[in-house]
N, C-alpha and C. Protein backbone atom coordinates (compact mmCIF):
# COMPACT_ATOMS: atom_id res chain seq x y z
N MET A 1 0.97 -1.06 -0.41
CA MET A 1 0.12 0.31 0.28
C MET A 1 0.52 0.85 -0.14
N PRO A 2 0.73 1.88 -1.35
CA PRO A 2 1.42 3.47 -1.02
C PRO A 2 1.73 4.73 0.39
N ARG A 3 3.09 4.88 1.07
CA ARG A 3 2.13 6.39 2.00
C ARG A 3 1.40 6.96 1.82
N GLN A 4 0.31 6.54 2.55
CA GLN A 4 -0.84 7.36 2.58
C GLN A 4 -0.39 8.46 3.20
N PRO A 5 -1.44 10.02 3.76
CA PRO A 5 -0.71 10.86 4.91
C PRO A 5 -1.93 11.23 5.70
N TYR A 6 -1.75 9.59 6.23
CA TYR A 6 -3.20 9.22 7.25
C TYR A 6 -2.01 8.41 7.76
N ALA A 7 -2.52 8.18 9.83
CA ALA A 7 -1.86 6.75 10.06
C ALA A 7 -3.40 5.64 10.20
N LEU A 8 -2.98 4.60 9.51
CA LEU A 8 -4.62 4.20 10.36
C LEU A 8 -4.04 3.99 11.31
N VAL A 9 -5.09 3.08 12.04
CA VAL A 9 -5.32 3.20 13.68
C VAL A 9 -6.73 2.20 13.57
N TYR A 10 -6.25 1.19 15.05
CA TYR A 10 -7.63 0.84 15.32
C TYR A 10 -7.91 0.22 16.44
N ALA A 11 -9.34 0.12 16.11
CA ALA A 11 -9.94 0.17 17.77
C ALA A 11 -9.45 -0.93 18.75
N PRO A 12 -9.58 -1.33 19.46
CA PRO A 12 -8.69 -2.41 20.59
C PRO A 12 -9.97 -3.18 20.32
N ALA A 13 -11.09 -3.42 19.95
CA ALA A 13 -12.25 -4.55 20.13
C ALA A 13 -12.12 -5.18 18.18
N VAL A 14 -12.04 -4.31 17.29
CA VAL A 14 -10.88 -4.76 16.08
C VAL A 14 -10.09 -6.26 16.44
N ASP A 15 -9.96 -6.24 17.02
CA ASP A 15 -8.65 -7.09 17.67
C ASP A 15 -9.66 -8.40 17.77
N ALA A 16 -9.87 -8.87 18.73
CA ALA A 16 -11.18 -10.02 18.94
C ALA A 16 -11.97 -9.88 18.63
N HIS A 17 -12.40 -8.88 17.66
CA HIS A 17 -12.90 -9.55 16.35
C HIS A 17 -12.85 -9.86 15.13
N LEU A 18 -11.32 -9.56 14.98
CA LEU A 18 -10.67 -10.20 13.90
C LEU A 18 -10.05 -12.02 14.69
N ASP A 19 -10.34 -12.16 15.26
CA ASP A 19 -10.27 -12.98 15.72
C ASP A 19 -10.99 -14.69 15.43
N ALA A 20 -12.22 -14.09 15.59
CA ALA A 20 -13.28 -14.54 15.13
C ALA A 20 -13.34 -14.90 14.51
N ILE A 21 -12.54 -14.12 12.93
CA ILE A 21 -12.44 -14.32 11.45
C ILE A 21 -11.59 -15.33 11.62
N GLU A 22 -11.75 -17.00 10.45
CA GLU A 22 -11.01 -17.84 9.99
C GLU A 22 -9.48 -16.76 9.30
N ARG A 23 -8.53 -17.13 9.58
CA ARG A 23 -7.42 -16.11 8.88
C ARG A 23 -7.50 -16.60 7.60
N LYS A 24 -7.84 -17.30 6.35
CA LYS A 24 -7.68 -17.04 5.11
C LYS A 24 -8.88 -15.60 4.84
N TYR A 25 -9.63 -14.99 5.30
CA TYR A 25 -10.38 -14.45 5.57
C TYR A 25 -9.59 -13.03 5.50
N HIS A 26 -8.83 -12.57 6.81
CA HIS A 26 -7.76 -10.95 6.94
C HIS A 26 -7.05 -9.96 5.40
N SER A 27 -6.55 -11.12 4.14
CA SER A 27 -7.09 -10.21 3.58
C SER A 27 -7.64 -9.71 2.63
N LEU A 28 -8.88 -10.33 2.80
CA LEU A 28 -9.97 -10.00 1.57
C LEU A 28 -10.36 -9.58 2.72
N ILE A 29 -10.39 -8.58 3.61
CA ILE A 29 -10.87 -7.80 4.99
C ILE A 29 -9.59 -6.45 4.64
N GLN A 30 -7.74 -6.78 4.52
CA GLN A 30 -7.28 -5.37 4.47
C GLN A 30 -7.36 -5.28 3.00
N GLU A 31 -8.04 -5.93 1.99
CA GLU A 31 -7.48 -5.29 0.39
C GLU A 31 -9.23 -4.33 0.88
N ALA A 32 -9.86 -5.05 1.84
CA ALA A 32 -11.41 -4.37 1.91
C ALA A 32 -10.66 -3.09 2.40
N ILE A 33 -9.94 -2.59 3.42
CA ILE A 33 -9.96 -1.64 4.36
C ILE A 33 -9.08 -0.63 3.16
N GLU A 34 -8.39 -1.13 2.43
CA GLU A 34 -7.43 -0.01 1.17
C GLU A 34 -8.02 -0.45 0.23
N GLU A 35 -8.81 0.02 -0.56
CA GLU A 35 -9.66 -0.27 -1.01
C GLU A 35 -10.79 0.90 -0.83
N GLN A 36 -11.36 1.13 -0.01
CA GLN A 36 -12.01 2.02 0.74
C GLN A 36 -11.03 3.56 1.72
N LEU A 37 -10.24 2.92 1.17
CA LEU A 37 -9.42 4.25 1.18
C LEU A 37 -9.39 5.26 0.00
N LEU A 38 -9.15 4.64 -1.02
CA LEU A 38 -8.99 4.94 -1.74
C LEU A 38 -10.40 5.86 -2.15
N PHE A 39 -11.49 6.09 -1.42
CA PHE A 39 -12.11 6.86 -2.28
C PHE A 39 -12.88 8.47 -1.47
N GLU A 40 -12.54 9.60 -2.24
CA GLU A 40 -12.09 10.76 -1.75
C GLU A 40 -13.77 11.39 -2.05
N PRO A 41 -14.07 11.77 -0.52
CA PRO A 41 -15.25 12.73 -0.26
C PRO A 41 -15.12 13.72 -0.87
N LEU A 42 -16.48 14.84 -0.96
CA LEU A 42 -16.75 16.21 -0.74
C LEU A 42 -15.78 16.67 -0.18
N ARG A 43 -14.78 17.57 -0.47
CA ARG A 43 -14.13 18.10 0.06
C ARG A 43 -14.66 18.87 1.39
N GLU A 44 -16.16 19.67 0.66
CA GLU A 44 -16.90 21.24 2.43
C GLU A 44 -17.06 20.15 3.08
N THR A 45 -17.64 19.16 2.61
CA THR A 45 -18.89 17.98 3.57
C THR A 45 -18.15 17.19 4.33
N ARG A 46 -17.48 16.52 3.20
CA ARG A 46 -15.93 14.87 3.33
C ARG A 46 -17.01 14.11 3.19
N ARG A 47 -18.35 14.03 2.98
CA ARG A 47 -19.30 13.16 2.44
C ARG A 47 -19.86 13.03 1.57
N PRO A 48 -20.08 11.77 0.89
CA PRO A 48 -20.59 10.73 -0.31
C PRO A 48 -22.19 11.96 -0.78
N ILE A 49 -22.12 12.20 -1.44
CA ILE A 49 -23.42 12.49 -2.23
C ILE A 49 -24.46 11.15 -2.34
N ALA A 50 -23.44 9.66 -2.41
CA ALA A 50 -25.32 7.91 -2.79
C ALA A 50 -23.69 7.84 -3.14
N ILE A 51 -24.06 7.02 -3.13
CA ILE A 51 -22.81 4.87 -3.06
C ILE A 51 -24.14 4.56 -3.72
N LEU A 52 -23.52 4.63 -4.94
CA LEU A 52 -24.36 2.39 -5.62
C LEU A 52 -23.32 1.40 -5.84
N VAL A 53 -24.00 0.91 -5.02
CA VAL A 53 -23.18 -1.34 -4.47
C VAL A 53 -23.95 -2.39 -6.08
N GLY A 54 -23.26 -2.59 -6.58
CA GLY A 54 -23.73 -3.75 -7.39
C GLY A 54 -23.80 -4.74 -6.31
N ILE A 55 -24.83 -5.74 -6.12
CA ILE A 55 -24.91 -7.23 -5.79
C ILE A 55 -24.53 -8.23 -6.22
N GLU A 56 -23.54 -9.03 -6.35
CA GLU A 56 -23.37 -9.51 -6.88
C GLU A 56 -23.13 -11.90 -6.44
N ASP A 57 -23.36 -11.72 -4.78
CA ASP A 57 -23.57 -12.17 -4.62
C ASP A 57 -23.50 -12.28 -3.01
N GLU A 58 -24.24 -13.75 -2.13
CA GLU A 58 -24.55 -13.33 -0.80
C GLU A 58 -23.63 -12.49 -0.02
N GLU A 59 -22.57 -12.80 -0.17
CA GLU A 59 -22.22 -11.74 0.04
C GLU A 59 -21.56 -10.35 0.34
N ASP A 60 -21.78 -10.26 -1.29
CA ASP A 60 -22.74 -8.48 -1.39
C ASP A 60 -24.31 -8.08 -0.26
N MET A 61 -25.16 -9.14 -0.52
CA MET A 61 -25.91 -8.56 0.60
C MET A 61 -25.54 -8.41 2.02
N GLU A 62 -25.28 -9.75 2.19
CA GLU A 62 -24.78 -9.57 3.65
C GLU A 62 -23.58 -8.10 4.28
N ARG A 63 -22.73 -8.05 3.42
CA ARG A 63 -21.93 -6.70 3.25
C ARG A 63 -22.84 -5.56 3.76
N LEU A 64 -23.69 -5.14 2.76
CA LEU A 64 -25.25 -4.39 2.65
C LEU A 64 -25.71 -4.25 4.04
N LEU A 65 -26.47 -5.71 4.42
CA LEU A 65 -27.09 -5.35 5.30
C LEU A 65 -26.78 -4.78 6.68
N MET A 66 -24.92 -5.53 6.82
CA MET A 66 -24.01 -5.16 8.18
C MET A 66 -23.73 -3.52 7.94
N GLY A 67 -23.80 -2.75 7.01
CA GLY A 67 -23.80 -1.78 6.98
C GLY A 67 -25.07 -0.25 8.21
N CYS A 68 -26.07 -1.58 7.29
CA CYS A 68 -27.14 -0.78 7.79
C CYS A 68 -27.06 -1.44 9.60
N SER A 69 -26.86 -1.80 9.51
CA SER A 69 -26.99 -3.15 11.24
C SER A 69 -27.06 -1.42 12.25
N LEU A 70 -27.49 -1.83 13.13
CA LEU A 70 -28.13 -0.81 14.16
C LEU A 70 -26.14 -1.10 15.18
N GLN A 71 -26.65 -2.03 15.52
CA GLN A 71 -25.97 -3.04 16.92
C GLN A 71 -24.65 -3.18 16.66
N LEU A 72 -24.41 -2.46 14.72
CA LEU A 72 -22.53 -2.13 13.71
C LEU A 72 -22.25 -2.16 14.43
N ARG A 73 -23.12 -0.53 14.00
CA ARG A 73 -23.12 1.11 13.70
C ARG A 73 -22.55 0.97 15.44
N ALA A 74 -23.15 0.87 17.13
CA ALA A 74 -22.87 1.14 18.58
C ALA A 74 -21.80 1.05 18.70
N ILE A 75 -20.75 -0.39 17.51
CA ILE A 75 -19.39 -1.79 17.75
C ILE A 75 -18.23 -0.20 17.39
N LEU A 76 -19.18 0.78 16.13
CA LEU A 76 -18.61 1.42 15.31
C LEU A 76 -17.85 2.45 16.32
N ASP A 77 -19.51 2.69 17.03
CA ASP A 77 -18.78 4.10 17.86
C ASP A 77 -17.28 4.37 18.83
N ARG A 78 -18.53 3.41 19.48
CA ARG A 78 -17.46 3.13 20.32
C ARG A 78 -16.20 1.97 19.89
N SER A 79 -16.34 1.46 19.45
CA SER A 79 -14.34 1.68 18.92
C SER A 79 -13.34 2.86 18.32
N TRP A 80 -14.68 3.84 17.67
CA TRP A 80 -13.94 5.78 17.10
C TRP A 80 -13.94 6.18 18.61
N ARG A 81 -14.79 5.66 19.35
CA ARG A 81 -14.34 6.39 20.99
C ARG A 81 -13.00 6.26 21.75
N GLU A 82 -12.17 4.63 21.29
CA GLU A 82 -10.70 4.03 21.75
C GLU A 82 -10.50 4.99 21.18
N ILE A 83 -9.90 4.77 19.87
CA ILE A 83 -9.48 5.03 19.20
C ILE A 83 -8.89 6.76 19.62
N GLU A 84 -10.19 7.37 19.42
CA GLU A 84 -9.99 9.20 20.39
C GLU A 84 -9.27 9.11 21.27
N GLU A 85 -8.94 8.48 22.67
CA GLU A 85 -8.86 8.31 23.00
C GLU A 85 -6.83 7.95 23.72
N GLY A 86 -7.09 7.93 22.23
CA GLY A 86 -5.60 6.76 22.01
C GLY A 86 -5.55 5.55 22.24
N ARG A 87 -6.13 5.04 22.64
CA ARG A 87 -6.29 3.76 22.98
C ARG A 87 -6.18 3.36 21.73
N GLY A 88 -6.28 2.77 19.88
CA GLY A 88 -6.11 2.66 19.37
C GLY A 88 -4.80 1.92 18.58
N ILE A 89 -4.49 0.64 18.15
CA ILE A 89 -4.02 0.44 17.52
C ILE A 89 -3.59 0.02 16.53
N PRO A 90 -1.70 0.40 15.93
CA PRO A 90 -1.02 1.45 15.32
C PRO A 90 -1.40 0.40 13.31
N HIS A 91 -1.88 0.48 12.59
CA HIS A 91 -1.92 -0.31 11.42
C HIS A 91 -0.99 -1.41 10.92
N ASP A 92 0.24 -1.77 10.70
CA ASP A 92 1.39 -2.51 11.42
C ASP A 92 1.04 -3.37 13.00
N GLU A 93 0.95 -2.25 13.85
CA GLU A 93 1.56 -4.12 14.77
C GLU A 93 -0.58 -4.71 15.38
N PHE A 94 -1.70 -4.28 14.39
CA PHE A 94 -2.26 -4.71 14.43
C PHE A 94 -2.28 -6.20 14.07
N TRP A 95 -2.11 -5.60 12.56
CA TRP A 95 -1.98 -6.58 11.33
C TRP A 95 -0.48 -7.88 12.42
N LYS A 96 0.13 -7.26 12.84
CA LYS A 96 2.16 -7.96 13.52
C LYS A 96 1.02 -9.04 14.86
N ARG A 97 -0.41 -8.95 15.24
CA ARG A 97 -0.60 -8.52 15.75
C ARG A 97 -1.44 -10.06 15.84
N ALA A 98 -2.85 -9.73 14.92
CA ALA A 98 -3.51 -11.12 14.16
C ALA A 98 -2.79 -12.36 13.75
N ALA A 99 -1.50 -12.25 13.14
CA ALA A 99 -0.55 -13.24 12.02
C ALA A 99 0.60 -13.18 13.35
N ALA A 100 0.84 -13.12 15.00
CA ALA A 100 1.20 -14.15 16.43
C ALA A 100 -0.22 -14.19 16.63
N ARG A 101 -0.96 -14.30 16.62
CA ARG A 101 -1.60 -15.13 17.13
C ARG A 101 -2.32 -16.66 16.00
N ALA A 102 -2.46 -16.02 15.37
CA ALA A 102 -2.86 -17.63 13.85
C ALA A 102 -2.35 -18.30 13.76
N SER A 103 -0.87 -17.33 13.72
CA SER A 103 0.04 -18.87 14.05
C SER A 103 -0.24 -19.72 16.19
N ALA A 104 0.01 -18.65 17.36
CA ALA A 104 0.13 -20.01 18.31
C ALA A 104 -0.97 -20.60 18.38
N LYS A 105 -2.20 -19.38 17.40
CA LYS A 105 -3.83 -20.57 16.94
C LYS A 105 -3.30 -22.37 16.80
N ARG A 106 -1.89 -22.10 15.29
CA ARG A 106 -1.87 -23.23 14.73
C ARG A 106 -1.47 -24.30 15.51
N LYS A 107 -0.28 -23.92 16.39
CA LYS A 107 1.26 -24.28 17.17
C LYS A 107 0.17 -25.35 18.38
N THR A 108 -1.38 -24.47 18.99
CA THR A 108 -2.03 -25.59 20.59
C THR A 108 -2.51 -25.78 18.82
N SER A 109 -3.33 -25.90 17.89
CA SER A 109 -4.37 -27.54 17.80
C SER A 109 -3.17 -27.79 16.77
N GLY A 110 -1.94 -27.11 16.76
CA GLY A 110 -1.25 -29.17 15.57
C GLY A 110 -1.04 -29.54 16.72
N LYS A 111 -0.54 -29.45 17.83
CA LYS A 111 -0.20 -30.54 18.84
C LYS A 111 -1.36 -31.09 20.00
N ALA A 112 -2.89 -30.45 19.27
CA ALA A 112 -4.22 -31.07 19.99
C ALA A 112 -4.34 -32.30 19.08
N ASN A 113 -3.80 -32.14 17.75
CA ASN A 113 -3.38 -32.91 16.78
C ASN A 113 -3.09 -34.65 17.06
N GLY A 114 -1.90 -33.54 17.40
CA GLY A 114 -1.11 -35.29 17.54
C GLY A 114 -1.41 -35.75 18.65
N LYS A 115 -1.99 -34.90 19.73
CA LYS A 115 -1.78 -35.85 21.22
C LYS A 115 -2.50 -37.56 20.83
N ALA A 116 -3.80 -36.58 19.82
CA ALA A 116 -4.88 -37.21 19.59
C ALA A 116 -5.06 -38.75 18.75
N LYS A 117 -3.77 -38.72 18.09
CA LYS A 117 -3.32 -39.55 16.89
C LYS A 117 -2.08 -40.54 18.05
N LYS A 118 -1.18 -39.89 18.87
CA LYS A 118 -0.68 -40.74 19.70
C LYS A 118 -1.88 -41.62 20.51
N SER A 119 -2.45 -41.49 21.51
CA SER A 119 -3.22 -41.94 22.53
C SER A 119 -4.30 -42.93 21.04
N LYS A 120 -5.22 -42.12 19.87
CA LYS A 120 -5.30 -43.29 19.17
C LYS A 120 -3.70 -44.55 19.02
N GLN A 121 -2.73 -44.71 19.16
CA GLN A 121 -1.91 -46.23 18.63
C GLN A 121 -1.47 -46.65 19.36
N GLU A 122 -1.52 -45.70 20.78
CA GLU A 122 -1.45 -46.28 21.53
C GLU A 122 -2.56 -47.78 22.39
N LYS A 123 -3.53 -47.12 22.15
CA LYS A 123 -4.45 -48.13 21.95
C LYS A 123 -4.94 -49.54 21.29
N LYS A 124 -4.27 -48.92 19.99
CA LYS A 124 -4.02 -50.15 18.79
C LYS A 124 -3.26 -50.76 19.10
N GLY A 125 -1.69 -50.26 20.08
CA GLY A 125 -0.70 -51.02 19.89
C GLY A 125 -0.64 -51.69 21.54
């Protein structure tokens, strides 16, 4: 991603939400964030006039519905307050943490699978 004239900062709650999402979707989320940052709203109001959204599949529909969710808005509002209070996580640090957690999960699930295989082999032997 080219150097932006601003810093990306994530609310601490985003960490927990990312944990609940499968690792294979992390790059999709990161690309979506970066794509949205390319949009430049009207300079006077800093708001878009209109948005045209094409829906190609169920995932598109789900994203659109999430955007209208009052519960999600409440989460986002709380996250903005956390960022404004200085409790945000810088972009690079956020993705380092996500990668470290994913790596730790792989290691622990691998150990659990290894123990299960050993106990099955011991029962046979």
